[in-house]
Amino acid sequence: MYHLVYTSTATVQFSTAELLQFLGWWRTNNSRLGITGILLYSNEGDFMQVLEGEQAQVDALFAGIELDSRHRNIIKLAAGPIGQRLFGEWAMGFRRLDSAAFHALAGYADPDEATFLPAIGPDTDTDLLHLLREFANVRPDELPS
């Protein structure tokens, strides 16, 4: 099992209706590929996403995201093997966040900051995933499958 975590900024603001339409497509595609994870979206148009699955599928999906004109400033925060899925119940869990909550979480995982997780030690990817899982579980009712 493999995971990848990234952040990006949308090139345009998405309405709730647009996000719901995209989520339907993305969830169908992720289910087909055996990919699970969570997508966080801020009111300012920032994304943070965790993708879990077989490495070839995750890497191919991320390569497509890197080419997607709806994303800019794409930063891979973490990637590598994991013992088990942390978001296995969601083809793509979703949570829309206010800007303060998003930036607090993204600031914790910002590779340009001195406090970024890799400075902690060899289990930093696991720490980041558990932080995101804990954050997602605060309001699981907001994470439709």
N, C-alpha and C. Protein backbone atom coordinates (compact mmCIF):
# COMPACT_ATOMS: atom_id res chain seq x y z
N MET A 1 0.84 -1.17 0.00
CA MET A 1 0.00 0.00 0.00
C MET A 1 0.90 1.24 0.00
N TYR A 2 0.42 2.30 -0.67
CA TYR A 2 1.22 3.50 -0.90
C TYR A 2 0.33 4.72 -0.65
N HIS A 3 0.93 5.82 -0.26
CA HIS A 3 0.18 7.05 -0.07
C HIS A 3 0.94 8.23 -0.65
N LEU A 4 0.20 9.29 -0.94
CA LEU A 4 0.78 10.54 -1.42
C LEU A 4 -0.09 11.66 -0.85
N VAL A 5 0.55 12.70 -0.33
CA VAL A 5 -0.15 13.87 0.20
C VAL A 5 0.38 15.09 -0.53
N TYR A 6 -0.53 15.94 -1.02
CA TYR A 6 -0.10 17.15 -1.71
C TYR A 6 -1.02 18.31 -1.36
N THR A 7 -0.53 19.51 -1.63
CA THR A 7 -1.35 20.71 -1.59
C THR A 7 -1.28 21.38 -2.95
N SER A 8 -2.30 22.15 -3.25
CA SER A 8 -2.31 22.96 -4.47
C SER A 8 -3.30 24.09 -4.28
N THR A 9 -3.30 24.99 -5.24
CA THR A 9 -4.24 26.10 -5.25
C THR A 9 -5.05 26.02 -6.53
N ALA A 10 -6.35 26.18 -6.41
CA ALA A 10 -7.22 26.16 -7.58
C ALA A 10 -6.97 27.42 -8.42
N THR A 11 -7.04 27.28 -9.72
CA THR A 11 -6.86 28.43 -10.60
C THR A 11 -8.13 29.28 -10.66
N VAL A 12 -9.26 28.71 -10.25
CA VAL A 12 -10.53 29.44 -10.15
C VAL A 12 -11.24 28.98 -8.88
N GLN A 13 -12.10 29.80 -8.33
CA GLN A 13 -12.90 29.40 -7.18
C GLN A 13 -14.02 28.47 -7.66
N PHE A 14 -14.26 27.40 -6.92
CA PHE A 14 -15.31 26.46 -7.27
C PHE A 14 -16.53 26.71 -6.39
N SER A 15 -17.70 26.71 -7.02
CA SER A 15 -18.94 26.81 -6.26
C SER A 15 -19.20 25.46 -5.60
N THR A 16 -20.11 25.44 -4.64
CA THR A 16 -20.48 24.19 -3.99
C THR A 16 -21.03 23.21 -5.02
N ALA A 17 -21.85 23.68 -5.96
CA ALA A 17 -22.41 22.80 -7.00
C ALA A 17 -21.31 22.20 -7.86
N GLU A 18 -20.31 23.01 -8.22
CA GLU A 18 -19.20 22.49 -9.02
C GLU A 18 -18.41 21.45 -8.25
N LEU A 19 -18.15 21.74 -6.98
CA LEU A 19 -17.40 20.78 -6.16
C LEU A 19 -18.15 19.46 -6.05
N LEU A 20 -19.45 19.51 -5.83
CA LEU A 20 -20.24 18.28 -5.73
C LEU A 20 -20.21 17.49 -7.03
N GLN A 21 -20.28 18.18 -8.16
CA GLN A 21 -20.21 17.50 -9.45
C GLN A 21 -18.83 16.85 -9.63
N PHE A 22 -17.77 17.60 -9.34
CA PHE A 22 -16.42 17.05 -9.45
C PHE A 22 -16.24 15.86 -8.51
N LEU A 23 -16.73 15.98 -7.28
CA LEU A 23 -16.60 14.89 -6.31
C LEU A 23 -17.22 13.61 -6.83
N GLY A 24 -18.38 13.71 -7.47
CA GLY A 24 -19.01 12.52 -8.05
C GLY A 24 -18.10 11.85 -9.06
N TRP A 25 -17.51 12.64 -9.93
CA TRP A 25 -16.60 12.09 -10.95
C TRP A 25 -15.35 11.50 -10.30
N TRP A 26 -14.76 12.27 -9.39
CA TRP A 26 -13.51 11.83 -8.77
C TRP A 26 -13.71 10.56 -7.95
N ARG A 27 -14.81 10.48 -7.24
CA ARG A 27 -15.07 9.28 -6.43
C ARG A 27 -15.26 8.06 -7.32
N THR A 28 -15.95 8.22 -8.43
CA THR A 28 -16.14 7.11 -9.36
C THR A 28 -14.79 6.65 -9.90
N ASN A 29 -13.95 7.59 -10.30
CA ASN A 29 -12.63 7.26 -10.83
C ASN A 29 -11.76 6.60 -9.76
N ASN A 30 -11.76 7.15 -8.54
CA ASN A 30 -10.96 6.57 -7.48
C ASN A 30 -11.41 5.15 -7.15
N SER A 31 -12.72 4.92 -7.11
CA SER A 31 -13.23 3.57 -6.85
C SER A 31 -12.76 2.60 -7.92
N ARG A 32 -12.80 3.03 -9.16
CA ARG A 32 -12.36 2.19 -10.28
C ARG A 32 -10.89 1.84 -10.15
N LEU A 33 -10.09 2.80 -9.66
CA LEU A 33 -8.64 2.60 -9.53
C LEU A 33 -8.22 1.97 -8.21
N GLY A 34 -9.16 1.80 -7.28
CA GLY A 34 -8.82 1.27 -5.97
C GLY A 34 -8.12 2.28 -5.08
N ILE A 35 -8.40 3.56 -5.31
CA ILE A 35 -7.77 4.64 -4.55
C ILE A 35 -8.76 5.17 -3.52
N THR A 36 -8.26 5.41 -2.31
CA THR A 36 -9.04 6.01 -1.24
C THR A 36 -8.32 7.27 -0.78
N GLY A 37 -8.99 8.05 0.07
CA GLY A 37 -8.33 9.23 0.61
C GLY A 37 -9.31 10.29 1.04
N ILE A 38 -8.78 11.48 1.19
CA ILE A 38 -9.56 12.62 1.63
C ILE A 38 -9.09 13.86 0.88
N LEU A 39 -10.04 14.74 0.60
CA LEU A 39 -9.76 16.02 -0.05
C LEU A 39 -10.27 17.13 0.86
N LEU A 40 -9.39 18.05 1.20
CA LEU A 40 -9.76 19.23 1.96
C LEU A 40 -9.70 20.43 1.03
N TYR A 41 -10.68 21.31 1.12
CA TYR A 41 -10.76 22.48 0.24
C TYR A 41 -11.06 23.71 1.08
N SER A 42 -10.26 24.74 0.94
CA SER A 42 -10.46 25.95 1.73
C SER A 42 -11.35 26.94 0.99
N ASN A 43 -11.90 27.87 1.74
CA ASN A 43 -12.72 28.93 1.15
C ASN A 43 -11.93 29.81 0.20
N GLU A 44 -10.60 29.77 0.30
CA GLU A 44 -9.74 30.56 -0.58
C GLU A 44 -9.31 29.79 -1.83
N GLY A 45 -9.74 28.53 -1.95
CA GLY A 45 -9.40 27.76 -3.14
C GLY A 45 -8.17 26.90 -3.02
N ASP A 46 -7.75 26.58 -1.80
CA ASP A 46 -6.60 25.70 -1.61
C ASP A 46 -7.06 24.27 -1.39
N PHE A 47 -6.28 23.33 -1.92
CA PHE A 47 -6.55 21.91 -1.76
C PHE A 47 -5.46 21.27 -0.91
N MET A 48 -5.81 20.26 -0.14
CA MET A 48 -4.87 19.32 0.45
C MET A 48 -5.53 17.96 0.26
N GLN A 49 -4.79 17.01 -0.29
CA GLN A 49 -5.37 15.71 -0.56
C GLN A 49 -4.42 14.60 -0.16
N VAL A 50 -5.02 13.52 0.37
CA VAL A 50 -4.32 12.27 0.64
C VAL A 50 -4.86 11.24 -0.34
N LEU A 51 -3.98 10.57 -1.05
CA LEU A 51 -4.34 9.48 -1.96
C LEU A 51 -3.69 8.21 -1.43
N GLU A 52 -4.46 7.11 -1.38
CA GLU A 52 -3.95 5.82 -0.92
C GLU A 52 -4.31 4.75 -1.94
N GLY A 53 -3.41 3.83 -2.18
CA GLY A 53 -3.68 2.72 -3.09
C GLY A 53 -2.37 2.10 -3.54
N GLU A 54 -2.46 1.38 -4.65
CA GLU A 54 -1.25 0.81 -5.23
C GLU A 54 -0.42 1.95 -5.82
N GLN A 55 0.90 1.87 -5.69
CA GLN A 55 1.76 2.98 -6.10
C GLN A 55 1.56 3.39 -7.55
N ALA A 56 1.44 2.44 -8.46
CA ALA A 56 1.30 2.79 -9.87
C ALA A 56 0.04 3.64 -10.10
N GLN A 57 -1.07 3.28 -9.46
CA GLN A 57 -2.31 4.02 -9.64
C GLN A 57 -2.23 5.41 -9.00
N VAL A 58 -1.65 5.47 -7.80
CA VAL A 58 -1.53 6.76 -7.10
C VAL A 58 -0.61 7.69 -7.89
N ASP A 59 0.53 7.18 -8.33
CA ASP A 59 1.46 8.01 -9.09
C ASP A 59 0.85 8.48 -10.41
N ALA A 60 0.11 7.61 -11.08
CA ALA A 60 -0.53 8.00 -12.34
C ALA A 60 -1.59 9.07 -12.10
N LEU A 61 -2.37 8.91 -11.05
CA LEU A 61 -3.39 9.90 -10.73
C LEU A 61 -2.73 11.25 -10.39
N PHE A 62 -1.67 11.23 -9.60
CA PHE A 62 -0.99 12.47 -9.24
C PHE A 62 -0.37 13.13 -10.47
N ALA A 63 0.17 12.33 -11.38
CA ALA A 63 0.74 12.89 -12.62
C ALA A 63 -0.35 13.64 -13.39
N GLY A 64 -1.56 13.08 -13.41
CA GLY A 64 -2.68 13.77 -14.06
C GLY A 64 -3.05 15.06 -13.35
N ILE A 65 -3.01 15.05 -12.02
CA ILE A 65 -3.30 16.26 -11.24
C ILE A 65 -2.27 17.34 -11.55
N GLU A 66 -1.01 16.93 -11.68
CA GLU A 66 0.04 17.91 -11.99
C GLU A 66 -0.17 18.57 -13.35
N LEU A 67 -0.84 17.88 -14.26
CA LEU A 67 -1.12 18.43 -15.59
C LEU A 67 -2.46 19.15 -15.67
N ASP A 68 -3.26 19.04 -14.63
CA ASP A 68 -4.61 19.60 -14.62
C ASP A 68 -4.55 21.12 -14.50
N SER A 69 -5.14 21.82 -15.45
CA SER A 69 -5.08 23.29 -15.47
C SER A 69 -5.87 23.93 -14.33
N ARG A 70 -6.64 23.15 -13.58
CA ARG A 70 -7.38 23.70 -12.44
C ARG A 70 -6.50 23.82 -11.20
N HIS A 71 -5.27 23.30 -11.25
CA HIS A 71 -4.34 23.34 -10.12
C HIS A 71 -3.11 24.17 -10.47
N ARG A 72 -2.59 24.87 -9.46
CA ARG A 72 -1.29 25.53 -9.58
C ARG A 72 -0.61 25.42 -8.21
N ASN A 73 0.67 25.73 -8.16
CA ASN A 73 1.43 25.66 -6.91
C ASN A 73 1.29 24.28 -6.24
N ILE A 74 1.46 23.23 -7.01
CA ILE A 74 1.32 21.87 -6.49
C ILE A 74 2.60 21.51 -5.73
N ILE A 75 2.42 21.08 -4.48
CA ILE A 75 3.55 20.70 -3.64
C ILE A 75 3.28 19.31 -3.07
N LYS A 76 4.16 18.36 -3.38
CA LYS A 76 4.05 17.03 -2.78
C LYS A 76 4.64 17.11 -1.39
N LEU A 77 3.82 16.83 -0.38
CA LEU A 77 4.25 16.91 1.01
C LEU A 77 4.84 15.61 1.52
N ALA A 78 4.28 14.49 1.07
CA ALA A 78 4.72 13.19 1.56
C ALA A 78 4.32 12.13 0.55
N ALA A 79 5.08 11.07 0.49
CA ALA A 79 4.75 9.92 -0.37
C ALA A 79 5.59 8.74 0.09
N GLY A 80 4.99 7.55 0.00
CA GLY A 80 5.74 6.36 0.34
C GLY A 80 4.84 5.24 0.80
N PRO A 81 5.43 4.13 1.17
CA PRO A 81 4.65 2.97 1.60
C PRO A 81 3.97 3.21 2.95
N ILE A 82 2.81 2.60 3.12
CA ILE A 82 2.08 2.63 4.38
C ILE A 82 1.62 1.21 4.70
N GLY A 83 1.46 0.92 5.97
CA GLY A 83 1.05 -0.41 6.39
C GLY A 83 -0.40 -0.72 6.10
N GLN A 84 -1.24 0.32 6.18
CA GLN A 84 -2.67 0.13 5.91
C GLN A 84 -3.29 1.47 5.54
N ARG A 85 -4.45 1.41 4.93
CA ARG A 85 -5.17 2.63 4.58
C ARG A 85 -5.71 3.29 5.84
N LEU A 86 -5.59 4.60 5.90
CA LEU A 86 -6.21 5.34 6.99
C LEU A 86 -7.55 5.94 6.57
N PHE A 87 -7.81 6.00 5.28
CA PHE A 87 -9.05 6.59 4.76
C PHE A 87 -9.79 5.58 3.89
N GLY A 88 -9.68 4.31 4.23
CA GLY A 88 -10.21 3.24 3.40
C GLY A 88 -11.71 3.26 3.20
N GLU A 89 -12.44 3.92 4.08
CA GLU A 89 -13.90 3.95 3.92
C GLU A 89 -14.36 4.99 2.91
N TRP A 90 -13.45 5.82 2.41
CA TRP A 90 -13.83 6.88 1.48
C TRP A 90 -13.07 6.76 0.16
N ALA A 91 -13.83 6.64 -0.96
CA ALA A 91 -13.19 6.76 -2.27
C ALA A 91 -12.59 8.17 -2.38
N MET A 92 -13.27 9.12 -1.76
CA MET A 92 -12.72 10.45 -1.57
C MET A 92 -13.56 11.16 -0.52
N GLY A 93 -13.09 11.10 0.71
CA GLY A 93 -13.74 11.90 1.75
C GLY A 93 -13.54 13.36 1.40
N PHE A 94 -14.44 14.20 1.84
CA PHE A 94 -14.33 15.61 1.49
C PHE A 94 -14.72 16.46 2.69
N ARG A 95 -14.00 17.54 2.84
CA ARG A 95 -14.37 18.52 3.85
C ARG A 95 -13.97 19.90 3.35
N ARG A 96 -14.92 20.81 3.39
CA ARG A 96 -14.65 22.21 3.04
C ARG A 96 -14.34 22.92 4.35
N LEU A 97 -13.24 23.67 4.37
CA LEU A 97 -12.76 24.32 5.59
C LEU A 97 -12.75 25.83 5.43
N ASP A 98 -12.90 26.51 6.55
CA ASP A 98 -12.66 27.94 6.48
C ASP A 98 -11.14 28.13 6.35
N SER A 99 -10.76 29.30 5.91
CA SER A 99 -9.35 29.56 5.61
C SER A 99 -8.44 29.38 6.81
N ALA A 100 -8.89 29.80 7.98
CA ALA A 100 -8.05 29.69 9.18
C ALA A 100 -7.76 28.23 9.50
N ALA A 101 -8.78 27.38 9.47
CA ALA A 101 -8.58 25.95 9.77
C ALA A 101 -7.66 25.31 8.73
N PHE A 102 -7.87 25.64 7.45
CA PHE A 102 -7.04 25.06 6.40
C PHE A 102 -5.58 25.47 6.59
N HIS A 103 -5.34 26.75 6.81
CA HIS A 103 -3.97 27.22 6.92
C HIS A 103 -3.28 26.73 8.19
N ALA A 104 -4.04 26.51 9.25
CA ALA A 104 -3.46 25.92 10.45
C ALA A 104 -2.97 24.51 10.15
N LEU A 105 -3.77 23.73 9.44
CA LEU A 105 -3.39 22.37 9.09
C LEU A 105 -2.27 22.38 8.06
N ALA A 106 -2.40 23.19 7.01
CA ALA A 106 -1.38 23.24 5.96
C ALA A 106 -0.07 23.79 6.51
N GLY A 107 -0.14 24.72 7.45
CA GLY A 107 1.08 25.27 8.05
C GLY A 107 1.86 24.21 8.79
N TYR A 108 1.16 23.26 9.39
CA TYR A 108 1.81 22.16 10.08
C TYR A 108 2.56 21.27 9.09
N ALA A 109 2.04 21.20 7.86
CA ALA A 109 2.63 20.31 6.86
C ALA A 109 3.32 21.07 5.73
N ASP A 110 3.72 22.30 5.98
CA ASP A 110 4.36 23.12 4.95
C ASP A 110 5.85 22.83 4.90
N PRO A 111 6.34 22.30 3.77
CA PRO A 111 7.76 21.94 3.69
C PRO A 111 8.70 23.14 3.74
N ASP A 112 8.17 24.34 3.56
CA ASP A 112 9.02 25.54 3.63
C ASP A 112 9.17 26.06 5.05
N GLU A 113 8.42 25.49 5.98
CA GLU A 113 8.49 25.92 7.37
C GLU A 113 9.51 25.09 8.14
N ALA A 114 10.16 25.70 9.09
CA ALA A 114 11.17 25.00 9.89
C ALA A 114 10.56 23.88 10.73
N THR A 115 9.27 23.95 11.00
CA THR A 115 8.62 22.94 11.84
C THR A 115 7.99 21.82 11.03
N PHE A 116 8.29 21.76 9.74
CA PHE A 116 7.70 20.72 8.90
C PHE A 116 8.05 19.33 9.43
N LEU A 117 7.11 18.41 9.30
CA LEU A 117 7.24 17.07 9.87
C LEU A 117 8.55 16.33 9.59
N PRO A 118 9.13 16.38 8.39
CA PRO A 118 10.35 15.60 8.18
C PRO A 118 11.46 15.90 9.17
N ALA A 119 11.41 17.05 9.80
CA ALA A 119 12.43 17.35 10.80
C ALA A 119 12.26 16.48 12.05
N ILE A 120 11.10 15.87 12.22
CA ILE A 120 10.81 15.11 13.43
C ILE A 120 11.53 13.76 13.44
N GLY A 121 11.49 13.07 12.31
CA GLY A 121 12.13 11.76 12.29
C GLY A 121 11.61 10.86 11.19
N PRO A 122 11.97 9.58 11.25
CA PRO A 122 11.68 8.66 10.16
C PRO A 122 10.19 8.32 9.99
N ASP A 123 9.37 8.57 10.98
CA ASP A 123 7.95 8.23 10.88
C ASP A 123 7.10 9.44 10.53
N THR A 124 7.67 10.44 9.90
CA THR A 124 6.95 11.68 9.69
C THR A 124 5.76 11.52 8.75
N ASP A 125 5.87 10.71 7.71
CA ASP A 125 4.72 10.50 6.83
C ASP A 125 3.56 9.93 7.62
N THR A 126 3.83 8.97 8.49
CA THR A 126 2.79 8.38 9.32
C THR A 126 2.20 9.42 10.24
N ASP A 127 3.03 10.28 10.80
CA ASP A 127 2.54 11.34 11.68
C ASP A 127 1.60 12.27 10.93
N LEU A 128 1.98 12.65 9.71
CA LEU A 128 1.13 13.53 8.90
C LEU A 128 -0.20 12.86 8.59
N LEU A 129 -0.16 11.60 8.19
CA LEU A 129 -1.41 10.89 7.89
C LEU A 129 -2.30 10.79 9.11
N HIS A 130 -1.72 10.51 10.26
CA HIS A 130 -2.54 10.41 11.47
C HIS A 130 -3.11 11.77 11.87
N LEU A 131 -2.35 12.84 11.65
CA LEU A 131 -2.86 14.17 11.91
C LEU A 131 -4.07 14.45 11.01
N LEU A 132 -3.95 14.13 9.74
CA LEU A 132 -5.06 14.36 8.82
C LEU A 132 -6.26 13.48 9.17
N ARG A 133 -6.00 12.25 9.57
CA ARG A 133 -7.08 11.34 9.97
C ARG A 133 -7.80 11.89 11.21
N GLU A 134 -7.02 12.33 12.18
CA GLU A 134 -7.62 12.89 13.39
C GLU A 134 -8.45 14.13 13.06
N PHE A 135 -7.94 14.96 12.17
CA PHE A 135 -8.65 16.14 11.75
C PHE A 135 -9.96 15.77 11.06
N ALA A 136 -9.91 14.78 10.18
CA ALA A 136 -11.11 14.35 9.46
C ALA A 136 -12.16 13.78 10.40
N ASN A 137 -11.73 13.12 11.44
CA ASN A 137 -12.67 12.49 12.36
C ASN A 137 -13.37 13.46 13.30
N VAL A 138 -12.93 14.70 13.33
CA VAL A 138 -13.59 15.68 14.20
C VAL A 138 -15.04 15.85 13.80
N ARG A 139 -15.33 15.85 12.50
CA ARG A 139 -16.70 16.00 12.01
C ARG A 139 -16.95 14.99 10.89
N PRO A 140 -17.00 13.70 11.19
CA PRO A 140 -17.14 12.71 10.14
C PRO A 140 -18.44 12.84 9.34
N ASP A 141 -19.44 13.51 9.90
CA ASP A 141 -20.69 13.69 9.19
C ASP A 141 -20.52 14.59 7.97
N GLU A 142 -19.43 15.35 7.90
CA GLU A 142 -19.17 16.21 6.77
C GLU A 142 -18.37 15.51 5.67
N LEU A 143 -18.15 14.22 5.83
CA LEU A 143 -17.33 13.48 4.88
C LEU A 143 -18.17 12.41 4.18
N PRO A 144 -19.03 12.82 3.25
CA PRO A 144 -19.85 11.81 2.58
C PRO A 144 -18.99 10.85 1.77
N SER A 145 -19.44 9.60 1.70
CA SER A 145 -18.67 8.62 0.93
C SER A 145 -19.00 8.69 -0.53
